[in-house]
Amino acid sequence: MARPKNSPEKIEKMRNDMMDAVIDLLDEVAPENVSIRMIADKIGVSHMVFYTYFKDRSEIMKALIERQSSRIERHFEGLMEKARREPVRNVLMTLLTDYTSTAAEHPKIFRMLWITDRAVKKGSINNFEHMEPLFDKLAELLSLGMEKGEFAQHDPRLAAVTVLSSINSPIILNICGKIPSGVTCDELLGEIKREILSYLAS
């Protein structure tokens, strides 16, 4: 891939502008329908300019997922500092509330990160490695809660997978339009958060 004759800062800015364009486009179309021409049009450049910064569509989708994963990881670093000073239980509930709010505001990004999709399959992402840091950081948070005596002893990694699986289930049901009648996603999330605390305490 030919690289632009720009400073590293300008290259990084253009790559980020293109990834931001993908995020904007995800409000309009499904991940698998985002095209290179649509990305270029969104930021006002020729579609050939795209190839100066990314090899192909798969590469930008992979880069976007990696960027989103890195942002989640950085967010966790701040939460760990907070959890050392405050009850881990409260930090966890704030985290889960923020997590579910973000998923509700950006369902297509959530889908791209969590649900197997052609947009992901076409990329060079190896299985689910892009989300491994999220499980690791959550395991670290839960382990701190166990050390502080707020949670019962569990395998931290298994507990992290259990918590994320539990909180993701209603979000996925909602995105897929499978929430049963008479039940709202918010009600289901509230019940699941209570169940998560019960599970961690037992």
N, C-alpha and C. Protein backbone atom coordinates (compact mmCIF):
# COMPACT_ATOMS: atom_id res chain seq x y z
N MET A 1 0.85 -1.19 0.00
CA MET A 1 0.00 0.00 0.00
C MET A 1 0.89 1.24 0.00
N ALA A 2 0.71 2.12 -0.97
CA ALA A 2 1.49 3.35 -1.04
C ALA A 2 1.08 4.27 0.10
N ARG A 3 2.07 4.79 0.81
CA ARG A 3 1.79 5.66 1.95
C ARG A 3 1.84 7.13 1.53
N PRO A 4 0.99 7.96 2.10
CA PRO A 4 0.98 9.37 1.74
C PRO A 4 2.23 10.07 2.24
N LYS A 5 2.66 11.12 1.52
CA LYS A 5 3.82 11.90 1.95
C LYS A 5 3.36 12.98 2.90
N ASN A 6 2.89 12.57 4.03
CA ASN A 6 2.41 13.47 5.06
C ASN A 6 3.10 13.12 6.36
N SER A 7 2.96 14.00 7.34
CA SER A 7 3.51 13.72 8.66
C SER A 7 2.72 12.58 9.29
N PRO A 8 3.32 11.86 10.25
CA PRO A 8 2.58 10.80 10.94
C PRO A 8 1.28 11.31 11.56
N GLU A 9 1.30 12.56 12.04
CA GLU A 9 0.10 13.14 12.65
C GLU A 9 -1.02 13.31 11.62
N LYS A 10 -0.64 13.79 10.42
CA LYS A 10 -1.66 13.97 9.37
C LYS A 10 -2.20 12.65 8.87
N ILE A 11 -1.31 11.66 8.79
CA ILE A 11 -1.74 10.33 8.37
C ILE A 11 -2.72 9.77 9.40
N GLU A 12 -2.37 9.89 10.68
CA GLU A 12 -3.23 9.37 11.74
C GLU A 12 -4.57 10.09 11.74
N LYS A 13 -4.55 11.41 11.51
CA LYS A 13 -5.80 12.18 11.48
C LYS A 13 -6.71 11.71 10.35
N MET A 14 -6.14 11.53 9.17
CA MET A 14 -6.97 11.08 8.05
C MET A 14 -7.51 9.68 8.28
N ARG A 15 -6.69 8.79 8.84
CA ARG A 15 -7.17 7.44 9.16
C ARG A 15 -8.33 7.52 10.16
N ASN A 16 -8.17 8.37 11.17
CA ASN A 16 -9.24 8.51 12.16
C ASN A 16 -10.49 9.16 11.56
N ASP A 17 -10.29 10.13 10.67
CA ASP A 17 -11.45 10.75 9.99
C ASP A 17 -12.22 9.70 9.20
N MET A 18 -11.50 8.82 8.55
CA MET A 18 -12.16 7.76 7.77
C MET A 18 -12.89 6.78 8.67
N MET A 19 -12.27 6.44 9.80
CA MET A 19 -12.95 5.54 10.75
C MET A 19 -14.18 6.22 11.36
N ASP A 20 -14.07 7.52 11.64
CA ASP A 20 -15.23 8.26 12.16
C ASP A 20 -16.36 8.28 11.12
N ALA A 21 -15.97 8.36 9.85
CA ALA A 21 -16.98 8.32 8.78
C ALA A 21 -17.72 6.99 8.79
N VAL A 22 -16.99 5.90 9.03
CA VAL A 22 -17.63 4.59 9.12
C VAL A 22 -18.64 4.58 10.26
N ILE A 23 -18.27 5.14 11.42
CA ILE A 23 -19.19 5.19 12.56
C ILE A 23 -20.45 5.96 12.19
N ASP A 24 -20.28 7.11 11.51
CA ASP A 24 -21.46 7.89 11.08
C ASP A 24 -22.32 7.07 10.11
N LEU A 25 -21.67 6.37 9.20
CA LEU A 25 -22.40 5.58 8.22
C LEU A 25 -23.16 4.42 8.86
N LEU A 26 -22.65 3.94 9.99
CA LEU A 26 -23.32 2.83 10.67
C LEU A 26 -24.69 3.25 11.22
N ASP A 27 -24.93 4.55 11.33
CA ASP A 27 -26.26 5.02 11.71
C ASP A 27 -27.24 4.92 10.54
N GLU A 28 -26.70 4.73 9.34
CA GLU A 28 -27.52 4.70 8.13
C GLU A 28 -27.64 3.31 7.51
N VAL A 29 -26.55 2.55 7.58
CA VAL A 29 -26.54 1.24 6.91
C VAL A 29 -25.89 0.20 7.81
N ALA A 30 -26.11 -1.07 7.51
CA ALA A 30 -25.50 -2.17 8.25
C ALA A 30 -24.00 -2.20 7.96
N PRO A 31 -23.19 -2.73 8.89
CA PRO A 31 -21.74 -2.76 8.69
C PRO A 31 -21.31 -3.36 7.35
N GLU A 32 -21.97 -4.44 6.94
CA GLU A 32 -21.56 -5.10 5.70
C GLU A 32 -21.87 -4.28 4.45
N ASN A 33 -22.69 -3.23 4.60
CA ASN A 33 -23.06 -2.40 3.44
C ASN A 33 -22.25 -1.12 3.33
N VAL A 34 -21.36 -0.87 4.27
CA VAL A 34 -20.51 0.32 4.20
C VAL A 34 -19.48 0.11 3.09
N SER A 35 -19.44 1.01 2.11
CA SER A 35 -18.52 0.87 0.98
C SER A 35 -17.41 1.92 1.05
N ILE A 36 -16.34 1.67 0.33
CA ILE A 36 -15.22 2.61 0.27
C ILE A 36 -15.69 3.94 -0.31
N ARG A 37 -16.51 3.88 -1.34
CA ARG A 37 -17.01 5.12 -1.95
C ARG A 37 -17.84 5.93 -0.95
N MET A 38 -18.65 5.26 -0.14
CA MET A 38 -19.45 5.95 0.87
C MET A 38 -18.55 6.63 1.91
N ILE A 39 -17.48 5.94 2.31
CA ILE A 39 -16.55 6.51 3.29
C ILE A 39 -15.89 7.76 2.71
N ALA A 40 -15.41 7.64 1.47
CA ALA A 40 -14.75 8.78 0.82
C ALA A 40 -15.71 9.96 0.66
N ASP A 41 -16.93 9.68 0.22
CA ASP A 41 -17.92 10.75 0.05
C ASP A 41 -18.22 11.45 1.36
N LYS A 42 -18.24 10.68 2.43
CA LYS A 42 -18.57 11.24 3.75
C LYS A 42 -17.57 12.30 4.19
N ILE A 43 -16.29 12.11 3.83
CA ILE A 43 -15.28 13.09 4.25
C ILE A 43 -14.82 13.98 3.10
N GLY A 44 -15.47 13.83 1.95
CA GLY A 44 -15.21 14.75 0.84
C GLY A 44 -13.91 14.54 0.10
N VAL A 45 -13.52 13.27 -0.09
CA VAL A 45 -12.31 12.99 -0.88
C VAL A 45 -12.66 11.98 -1.97
N SER A 46 -11.77 11.85 -2.92
CA SER A 46 -11.93 10.84 -3.96
C SER A 46 -11.81 9.45 -3.34
N HIS A 47 -12.55 8.50 -3.88
CA HIS A 47 -12.47 7.16 -3.31
C HIS A 47 -11.07 6.55 -3.49
N MET A 48 -10.30 7.05 -4.45
CA MET A 48 -8.94 6.55 -4.63
C MET A 48 -8.01 6.99 -3.49
N VAL A 49 -8.36 8.10 -2.84
CA VAL A 49 -7.57 8.57 -1.69
C VAL A 49 -7.61 7.54 -0.57
N PHE A 50 -8.74 6.87 -0.47
CA PHE A 50 -8.90 5.84 0.58
C PHE A 50 -7.73 4.87 0.57
N TYR A 51 -7.31 4.43 -0.62
CA TYR A 51 -6.28 3.40 -0.74
C TYR A 51 -4.89 3.89 -0.34
N THR A 52 -4.76 5.18 -0.15
CA THR A 52 -3.51 5.73 0.36
C THR A 52 -3.36 5.43 1.85
N TYR A 53 -4.50 5.26 2.53
CA TYR A 53 -4.50 5.11 3.99
C TYR A 53 -4.88 3.71 4.46
N PHE A 54 -5.65 3.00 3.65
CA PHE A 54 -6.04 1.64 3.99
C PHE A 54 -5.94 0.77 2.75
N LYS A 55 -5.54 -0.47 2.95
CA LYS A 55 -5.39 -1.39 1.82
C LYS A 55 -6.73 -1.70 1.17
N ASP A 56 -7.75 -1.93 2.01
CA ASP A 56 -9.07 -2.27 1.50
C ASP A 56 -10.11 -2.06 2.60
N ARG A 57 -11.33 -2.41 2.30
CA ARG A 57 -12.42 -2.23 3.24
C ARG A 57 -12.22 -3.06 4.52
N SER A 58 -11.70 -4.26 4.35
CA SER A 58 -11.48 -5.14 5.50
C SER A 58 -10.51 -4.50 6.49
N GLU A 59 -9.48 -3.85 5.97
CA GLU A 59 -8.47 -3.25 6.84
C GLU A 59 -9.05 -2.11 7.67
N ILE A 60 -9.90 -1.29 7.09
CA ILE A 60 -10.47 -0.18 7.87
C ILE A 60 -11.44 -0.71 8.92
N MET A 61 -12.18 -1.77 8.59
CA MET A 61 -13.11 -2.34 9.58
C MET A 61 -12.33 -2.94 10.74
N LYS A 62 -11.23 -3.61 10.43
CA LYS A 62 -10.39 -4.17 11.49
C LYS A 62 -9.79 -3.06 12.34
N ALA A 63 -9.30 -1.99 11.68
CA ALA A 63 -8.70 -0.87 12.41
C ALA A 63 -9.73 -0.20 13.31
N LEU A 64 -10.96 -0.08 12.83
CA LEU A 64 -12.01 0.55 13.63
C LEU A 64 -12.32 -0.29 14.86
N ILE A 65 -12.43 -1.60 14.69
CA ILE A 65 -12.71 -2.49 15.82
C ILE A 65 -11.57 -2.42 16.84
N GLU A 66 -10.34 -2.39 16.34
CA GLU A 66 -9.19 -2.30 17.25
C GLU A 66 -9.19 -0.97 17.99
N ARG A 67 -9.57 0.11 17.30
CA ARG A 67 -9.61 1.43 17.95
C ARG A 67 -10.68 1.45 19.03
N GLN A 68 -11.86 0.91 18.72
CA GLN A 68 -12.93 0.88 19.71
C GLN A 68 -12.52 0.03 20.92
N SER A 69 -11.87 -1.09 20.65
CA SER A 69 -11.41 -1.96 21.74
C SER A 69 -10.40 -1.25 22.62
N SER A 70 -9.49 -0.48 22.00
CA SER A 70 -8.48 0.27 22.76
C SER A 70 -9.13 1.33 23.63
N ARG A 71 -10.17 1.96 23.11
CA ARG A 71 -10.88 2.99 23.90
C ARG A 71 -11.56 2.36 25.11
N ILE A 72 -12.14 1.19 24.92
CA ILE A 72 -12.75 0.47 26.04
C ILE A 72 -11.69 0.15 27.09
N GLU A 73 -10.54 -0.29 26.61
CA GLU A 73 -9.45 -0.66 27.52
C GLU A 73 -8.98 0.55 28.33
N ARG A 74 -8.83 1.71 27.67
CA ARG A 74 -8.41 2.92 28.38
C ARG A 74 -9.44 3.36 29.40
N HIS A 75 -10.72 3.19 29.06
CA HIS A 75 -11.80 3.53 29.99
C HIS A 75 -11.69 2.68 31.26
N PHE A 76 -11.34 1.42 31.08
CA PHE A 76 -11.19 0.51 32.21
C PHE A 76 -10.07 0.94 33.14
N GLU A 77 -9.01 1.51 32.58
CA GLU A 77 -7.89 1.93 33.41
C GLU A 77 -8.33 2.98 34.43
N GLY A 78 -9.17 3.92 34.01
CA GLY A 78 -9.71 4.92 34.93
C GLY A 78 -10.63 4.29 35.96
N LEU A 79 -11.40 3.30 35.54
CA LEU A 79 -12.32 2.63 36.46
C LEU A 79 -11.56 1.87 37.54
N MET A 80 -10.44 1.28 37.17
CA MET A 80 -9.66 0.54 38.17
C MET A 80 -9.15 1.47 39.26
N GLU A 81 -8.72 2.66 38.87
CA GLU A 81 -8.27 3.65 39.87
C GLU A 81 -9.42 4.01 40.80
N LYS A 82 -10.59 4.21 40.23
CA LYS A 82 -11.77 4.56 41.02
C LYS A 82 -12.15 3.41 41.95
N ALA A 83 -12.05 2.18 41.46
CA ALA A 83 -12.44 1.00 42.24
C ALA A 83 -11.52 0.76 43.43
N ARG A 84 -10.28 1.26 43.36
CA ARG A 84 -9.36 1.12 44.49
C ARG A 84 -9.77 2.04 45.65
N ARG A 85 -10.48 3.12 45.32
CA ARG A 85 -10.89 4.08 46.35
C ARG A 85 -12.34 3.91 46.79
N GLU A 86 -13.17 3.36 45.91
CA GLU A 86 -14.61 3.27 46.16
C GLU A 86 -15.06 1.81 46.10
N PRO A 87 -16.30 1.53 46.52
CA PRO A 87 -16.78 0.15 46.42
C PRO A 87 -16.76 -0.35 44.97
N VAL A 88 -16.19 -1.51 44.78
CA VAL A 88 -16.11 -2.09 43.43
C VAL A 88 -17.51 -2.35 42.88
N ARG A 89 -18.41 -2.74 43.76
CA ARG A 89 -19.80 -2.99 43.34
C ARG A 89 -20.39 -1.76 42.64
N ASN A 90 -20.17 -0.57 43.21
CA ASN A 90 -20.71 0.66 42.62
C ASN A 90 -20.05 0.96 41.27
N VAL A 91 -18.73 0.75 41.22
CA VAL A 91 -18.02 0.99 39.97
C VAL A 91 -18.51 0.03 38.88
N LEU A 92 -18.73 -1.23 39.25
CA LEU A 92 -19.22 -2.22 38.29
C LEU A 92 -20.60 -1.83 37.76
N MET A 93 -21.50 -1.39 38.66
CA MET A 93 -22.84 -1.01 38.21
C MET A 93 -22.80 0.22 37.30
N THR A 94 -21.91 1.17 37.61
CA THR A 94 -21.75 2.34 36.74
C THR A 94 -21.23 1.90 35.37
N LEU A 95 -20.25 0.99 35.39
CA LEU A 95 -19.70 0.46 34.14
C LEU A 95 -20.77 -0.20 33.29
N LEU A 96 -21.58 -1.06 33.91
CA LEU A 96 -22.62 -1.77 33.16
C LEU A 96 -23.68 -0.83 32.62
N THR A 97 -24.00 0.22 33.41
CA THR A 97 -24.98 1.21 32.95
C THR A 97 -24.43 1.99 31.75
N ASP A 98 -23.17 2.41 31.85
CA ASP A 98 -22.54 3.13 30.73
C ASP A 98 -22.46 2.23 29.50
N TYR A 99 -22.12 0.97 29.73
CA TYR A 99 -21.96 0.01 28.65
C TYR A 99 -23.28 -0.20 27.90
N THR A 100 -24.36 -0.39 28.66
CA THR A 100 -25.65 -0.63 28.02
C THR A 100 -26.19 0.63 27.34
N SER A 101 -25.89 1.80 27.92
CA SER A 101 -26.32 3.07 27.30
C SER A 101 -25.61 3.27 25.96
N THR A 102 -24.31 2.98 25.94
CA THR A 102 -23.55 3.12 24.69
C THR A 102 -24.06 2.14 23.64
N ALA A 103 -24.37 0.93 24.06
CA ALA A 103 -24.91 -0.06 23.12
C ALA A 103 -26.25 0.39 22.55
N ALA A 104 -27.08 1.03 23.39
CA ALA A 104 -28.38 1.52 22.93
C ALA A 104 -28.22 2.68 21.96
N GLU A 105 -27.23 3.54 22.22
CA GLU A 105 -27.01 4.71 21.36
C GLU A 105 -26.35 4.32 20.04
N HIS A 106 -25.53 3.27 20.06
CA HIS A 106 -24.79 2.87 18.85
C HIS A 106 -24.94 1.36 18.61
N PRO A 107 -26.15 0.91 18.33
CA PRO A 107 -26.39 -0.54 18.20
C PRO A 107 -25.59 -1.19 17.07
N LYS A 108 -25.31 -0.44 16.01
CA LYS A 108 -24.59 -1.07 14.89
C LYS A 108 -23.11 -1.25 15.22
N ILE A 109 -22.57 -0.37 16.05
CA ILE A 109 -21.19 -0.57 16.49
C ILE A 109 -21.13 -1.78 17.43
N PHE A 110 -22.12 -1.86 18.32
CA PHE A 110 -22.20 -3.02 19.22
C PHE A 110 -22.28 -4.30 18.39
N ARG A 111 -23.13 -4.28 17.38
CA ARG A 111 -23.29 -5.45 16.52
C ARG A 111 -21.97 -5.81 15.83
N MET A 112 -21.26 -4.79 15.36
CA MET A 112 -19.99 -5.04 14.68
C MET A 112 -18.96 -5.65 15.64
N LEU A 113 -18.98 -5.21 16.90
CA LEU A 113 -18.02 -5.70 17.88
C LEU A 113 -18.35 -7.10 18.38
N TRP A 114 -19.65 -7.40 18.52
CA TRP A 114 -20.03 -8.61 19.24
C TRP A 114 -20.71 -9.69 18.40
N ILE A 115 -21.42 -9.30 17.38
CA ILE A 115 -22.20 -10.29 16.64
C ILE A 115 -21.46 -10.66 15.36
N THR A 116 -21.26 -11.95 15.13
CA THR A 116 -20.58 -12.39 13.92
C THR A 116 -21.32 -11.86 12.72
N ASP A 117 -20.57 -11.18 11.87
CA ASP A 117 -21.19 -10.46 10.77
C ASP A 117 -20.26 -10.53 9.56
N ARG A 118 -20.80 -10.40 8.41
CA ARG A 118 -19.95 -10.43 7.22
C ARG A 118 -18.89 -9.33 7.27
N ALA A 119 -19.22 -8.20 7.90
CA ALA A 119 -18.24 -7.11 7.99
C ALA A 119 -17.02 -7.54 8.78
N VAL A 120 -17.23 -8.42 9.74
CA VAL A 120 -16.12 -8.90 10.56
C VAL A 120 -15.47 -10.10 9.89
N LYS A 121 -16.27 -11.00 9.35
CA LYS A 121 -15.71 -12.20 8.72
C LYS A 121 -14.76 -11.86 7.59
N LYS A 122 -15.06 -10.79 6.86
CA LYS A 122 -14.21 -10.43 5.74
C LYS A 122 -12.90 -9.81 6.19
N GLY A 123 -12.82 -9.38 7.43
CA GLY A 123 -11.59 -8.81 7.95
C GLY A 123 -10.63 -9.91 8.34
N SER A 124 -9.46 -9.49 8.79
CA SER A 124 -8.45 -10.48 9.18
C SER A 124 -8.41 -10.65 10.69
N ILE A 125 -9.55 -10.45 11.34
CA ILE A 125 -9.60 -10.59 12.78
C ILE A 125 -9.59 -12.07 13.12
N ASN A 126 -8.69 -12.46 14.01
CA ASN A 126 -8.56 -13.86 14.38
C ASN A 126 -9.54 -14.18 15.50
N ASN A 127 -10.58 -14.91 15.17
CA ASN A 127 -11.61 -15.29 16.12
C ASN A 127 -12.12 -14.06 16.86
N PHE A 128 -11.88 -14.00 18.18
CA PHE A 128 -12.47 -12.91 18.96
C PHE A 128 -11.38 -12.15 19.71
N GLU A 129 -10.16 -12.20 19.19
CA GLU A 129 -9.03 -11.65 19.93
C GLU A 129 -9.15 -10.15 20.18
N HIS A 130 -9.89 -9.43 19.33
CA HIS A 130 -10.02 -7.98 19.51
C HIS A 130 -10.78 -7.61 20.78
N MET A 131 -11.55 -8.55 21.34
CA MET A 131 -12.30 -8.25 22.56
C MET A 131 -11.66 -8.86 23.81
N GLU A 132 -10.57 -9.60 23.64
CA GLU A 132 -9.91 -10.22 24.79
C GLU A 132 -9.54 -9.22 25.88
N PRO A 133 -9.01 -8.03 25.53
CA PRO A 133 -8.67 -7.07 26.60
C PRO A 133 -9.86 -6.68 27.47
N LEU A 134 -11.06 -6.65 26.90
CA LEU A 134 -12.24 -6.31 27.68
C LEU A 134 -12.50 -7.37 28.75
N PHE A 135 -12.39 -8.64 28.39
CA PHE A 135 -12.56 -9.71 29.37
C PHE A 135 -11.47 -9.64 30.43
N ASP A 136 -10.23 -9.36 30.00
CA ASP A 136 -9.11 -9.29 30.94
C ASP A 136 -9.30 -8.16 31.94
N LYS A 137 -9.70 -6.98 31.46
CA LYS A 137 -9.87 -5.83 32.34
C LYS A 137 -11.04 -6.03 33.30
N LEU A 138 -12.12 -6.63 32.80
CA LEU A 138 -13.26 -6.89 33.69
C LEU A 138 -12.86 -7.92 34.74
N ALA A 139 -12.10 -8.93 34.35
CA ALA A 139 -11.62 -9.93 35.31
C ALA A 139 -10.77 -9.26 36.38
N GLU A 140 -9.96 -8.29 35.99
CA GLU A 140 -9.12 -7.56 36.94
C GLU A 140 -10.00 -6.77 37.93
N LEU A 141 -11.05 -6.15 37.42
CA LEU A 141 -11.97 -5.39 38.29
C LEU A 141 -12.67 -6.32 39.28
N LEU A 142 -13.16 -7.45 38.79
CA LEU A 142 -13.85 -8.40 39.65
C LEU A 142 -12.90 -9.01 40.67
N SER A 143 -11.68 -9.25 40.26
CA SER A 143 -10.68 -9.79 41.18
C SER A 143 -10.42 -8.81 42.33
N LEU A 144 -10.40 -7.52 42.00
CA LEU A 144 -10.24 -6.50 43.05
C LEU A 144 -11.41 -6.55 44.02
N GLY A 145 -12.63 -6.73 43.48
CA GLY A 145 -13.79 -6.85 44.35
C GLY A 145 -13.71 -8.06 45.27
N MET A 146 -13.13 -9.14 44.77
CA MET A 146 -12.95 -10.34 45.59
C MET A 146 -11.89 -10.09 46.67
N GLU A 147 -10.81 -9.42 46.29
CA GLU A 147 -9.76 -9.09 47.27
C GLU A 147 -10.28 -8.19 48.39
N LYS A 148 -11.17 -7.28 48.03
CA LYS A 148 -11.73 -6.35 49.02
C LYS A 148 -12.88 -6.97 49.82
N GLY A 149 -13.24 -8.21 49.49
CA GLY A 149 -14.29 -8.91 50.21
C GLY A 149 -15.70 -8.53 49.81
N GLU A 150 -15.84 -7.81 48.71
CA GLU A 150 -17.18 -7.41 48.24
C GLU A 150 -17.86 -8.52 47.46
N PHE A 151 -17.06 -9.35 46.80
CA PHE A 151 -17.59 -10.46 46.02
C PHE A 151 -17.04 -11.76 46.56
N ALA A 152 -17.81 -12.82 46.38
CA ALA A 152 -17.32 -14.16 46.76
C ALA A 152 -16.21 -14.57 45.80
N GLN A 153 -15.44 -15.56 46.21
CA GLN A 153 -14.33 -16.02 45.37
C GLN A 153 -14.85 -16.81 44.17
N HIS A 154 -14.47 -16.36 43.00
CA HIS A 154 -14.77 -17.03 41.73
C HIS A 154 -13.50 -17.01 40.91
N ASP A 155 -13.46 -17.82 39.87
CA ASP A 155 -12.40 -17.66 38.88
C ASP A 155 -12.68 -16.32 38.19
N PRO A 156 -11.78 -15.34 38.31
CA PRO A 156 -12.08 -14.00 37.77
C PRO A 156 -12.39 -13.99 36.28
N ARG A 157 -11.65 -14.78 35.52
CA ARG A 157 -11.88 -14.83 34.07
C ARG A 157 -13.26 -15.39 33.75
N LEU A 158 -13.62 -16.49 34.41
CA LEU A 158 -14.94 -17.08 34.20
C LEU A 158 -16.04 -16.12 34.65
N ALA A 159 -15.82 -15.44 35.76
CA ALA A 159 -16.80 -14.46 36.25
C ALA A 159 -16.97 -13.33 35.25
N ALA A 160 -15.86 -12.86 34.66
CA ALA A 160 -15.94 -11.78 33.68
C ALA A 160 -16.73 -12.20 32.45
N VAL A 161 -16.47 -13.41 31.97
CA VAL A 161 -17.21 -13.92 30.80
C VAL A 161 -18.70 -14.07 31.15
N THR A 162 -18.98 -14.54 32.37
CA THR A 162 -20.37 -14.70 32.81
C THR A 162 -21.09 -13.36 32.85
N VAL A 163 -20.43 -12.34 33.42
CA VAL A 163 -21.04 -11.01 33.53
C VAL A 163 -21.31 -10.43 32.14
N LEU A 164 -20.31 -10.48 31.26
CA LEU A 164 -20.50 -9.90 29.93
C LEU A 164 -21.52 -10.68 29.11
N SER A 165 -21.52 -11.99 29.24
CA SER A 165 -22.52 -12.80 28.53
C SER A 165 -23.92 -12.45 29.00
N SER A 166 -24.06 -12.27 30.30
CA SER A 166 -25.37 -11.96 30.88
C SER A 166 -25.87 -10.60 30.42
N ILE A 167 -24.99 -9.59 30.46
CA ILE A 167 -25.43 -8.23 30.11
C ILE A 167 -25.61 -8.08 28.60
N ASN A 168 -24.87 -8.86 27.81
CA ASN A 168 -25.00 -8.77 26.35
C ASN A 168 -26.29 -9.42 25.84
N SER A 169 -26.78 -10.42 26.54
CA SER A 169 -27.93 -11.18 26.02
C SER A 169 -29.14 -10.32 25.69
N PRO A 170 -29.63 -9.47 26.62
CA PRO A 170 -30.80 -8.66 26.27
C PRO A 170 -30.51 -7.62 25.19
N ILE A 171 -29.26 -7.13 25.14
CA ILE A 171 -28.90 -6.15 24.11
C ILE A 171 -28.98 -6.81 22.74
N ILE A 172 -28.44 -8.03 22.64
CA ILE A 172 -28.48 -8.75 21.37
C ILE A 172 -29.92 -9.09 20.99
N LEU A 173 -30.71 -9.53 21.96
CA LEU A 173 -32.13 -9.80 21.69
C LEU A 173 -32.83 -8.56 21.16
N ASN A 174 -32.52 -7.42 21.78
CA ASN A 174 -33.16 -6.17 21.38
C ASN A 174 -32.74 -5.76 19.98
N ILE A 175 -31.44 -5.84 19.69
CA ILE A 175 -30.93 -5.47 18.37
C ILE A 175 -31.54 -6.36 17.28
N CYS A 176 -31.73 -7.64 17.61
CA CYS A 176 -32.29 -8.59 16.64
C CYS A 176 -33.82 -8.57 16.62
N GLY A 177 -34.43 -7.72 17.45
CA GLY A 177 -35.89 -7.64 17.50
C GLY A 177 -36.55 -8.86 18.09
N LYS A 178 -35.89 -9.49 19.06
CA LYS A 178 -36.39 -10.74 19.64
C LYS A 178 -36.83 -10.61 21.10
N ILE A 179 -36.93 -9.39 21.62
CA ILE A 179 -37.42 -9.23 22.99
C ILE A 179 -38.89 -9.64 23.03
N PRO A 180 -39.29 -10.55 23.92
CA PRO A 180 -40.69 -10.99 23.98
C PRO A 180 -41.63 -9.84 24.30
N SER A 181 -42.84 -9.92 23.83
CA SER A 181 -43.83 -8.88 24.09
C SER A 181 -44.10 -8.80 25.59
N GLY A 182 -44.39 -7.60 26.04
CA GLY A 182 -44.68 -7.38 27.46
C GLY A 182 -43.44 -7.16 28.30
N VAL A 183 -42.27 -7.22 27.68
CA VAL A 183 -41.00 -7.02 28.39
C VAL A 183 -40.18 -6.00 27.61
N THR A 184 -39.59 -5.03 28.32
CA THR A 184 -38.72 -4.07 27.65
C THR A 184 -37.26 -4.45 27.90
N CYS A 185 -36.41 -3.97 27.04
CA CYS A 185 -34.98 -4.24 27.19
C CYS A 185 -34.48 -3.64 28.51
N ASP A 186 -34.94 -2.44 28.85
CA ASP A 186 -34.50 -1.79 30.09
C ASP A 186 -34.91 -2.60 31.32
N GLU A 187 -36.14 -3.14 31.29
CA GLU A 187 -36.59 -3.97 32.42
C GLU A 187 -35.72 -5.22 32.55
N LEU A 188 -35.45 -5.82 31.42
CA LEU A 188 -34.64 -7.05 31.42
C LEU A 188 -33.22 -6.75 31.90
N LEU A 189 -32.65 -5.62 31.46
CA LEU A 189 -31.31 -5.24 31.90
C LEU A 189 -31.27 -5.00 33.41
N GLY A 190 -32.33 -4.37 33.94
CA GLY A 190 -32.40 -4.14 35.38
C GLY A 190 -32.38 -5.44 36.16
N GLU A 191 -33.16 -6.41 35.70
CA GLU A 191 -33.21 -7.72 36.36
C GLU A 191 -31.85 -8.42 36.27
N ILE A 192 -31.23 -8.33 35.12
CA ILE A 192 -29.95 -9.01 34.92
C ILE A 192 -28.86 -8.38 35.78
N LYS A 193 -28.87 -7.06 35.93
CA LYS A 193 -27.88 -6.41 36.80
C LYS A 193 -28.02 -6.92 38.24
N ARG A 194 -29.26 -7.08 38.67
CA ARG A 194 -29.48 -7.61 40.03
C ARG A 194 -28.98 -9.06 40.13
N GLU A 195 -29.22 -9.83 39.07
CA GLU A 195 -28.76 -11.22 39.06
C GLU A 195 -27.23 -11.29 39.05
N ILE A 196 -26.60 -10.37 38.34
CA ILE A 196 -25.13 -10.33 38.30
C ILE A 196 -24.58 -10.09 39.71
N LEU A 197 -25.16 -9.14 40.43
CA LEU A 197 -24.69 -8.86 41.80
C LEU A 197 -24.91 -10.06 42.70
N SER A 198 -26.06 -10.73 42.52
CA SER A 198 -26.34 -11.92 43.32
C SER A 198 -25.33 -13.02 43.01
N TYR A 199 -25.05 -13.23 41.73
CA TYR A 199 -24.06 -14.24 41.31
C TYR A 199 -22.68 -13.94 41.91
N LEU A 200 -22.26 -12.68 41.84
CA LEU A 200 -20.93 -12.33 42.34
C LEU A 200 -20.83 -12.45 43.85
N ALA A 201 -21.95 -12.28 44.54
CA ALA A 201 -21.95 -12.35 46.01
C ALA A 201 -22.02 -13.79 46.52
N SER A 202 -22.42 -14.73 45.65
CA SER A 202 -22.64 -16.11 46.13
C SER A 202 -21.41 -17.00 45.94
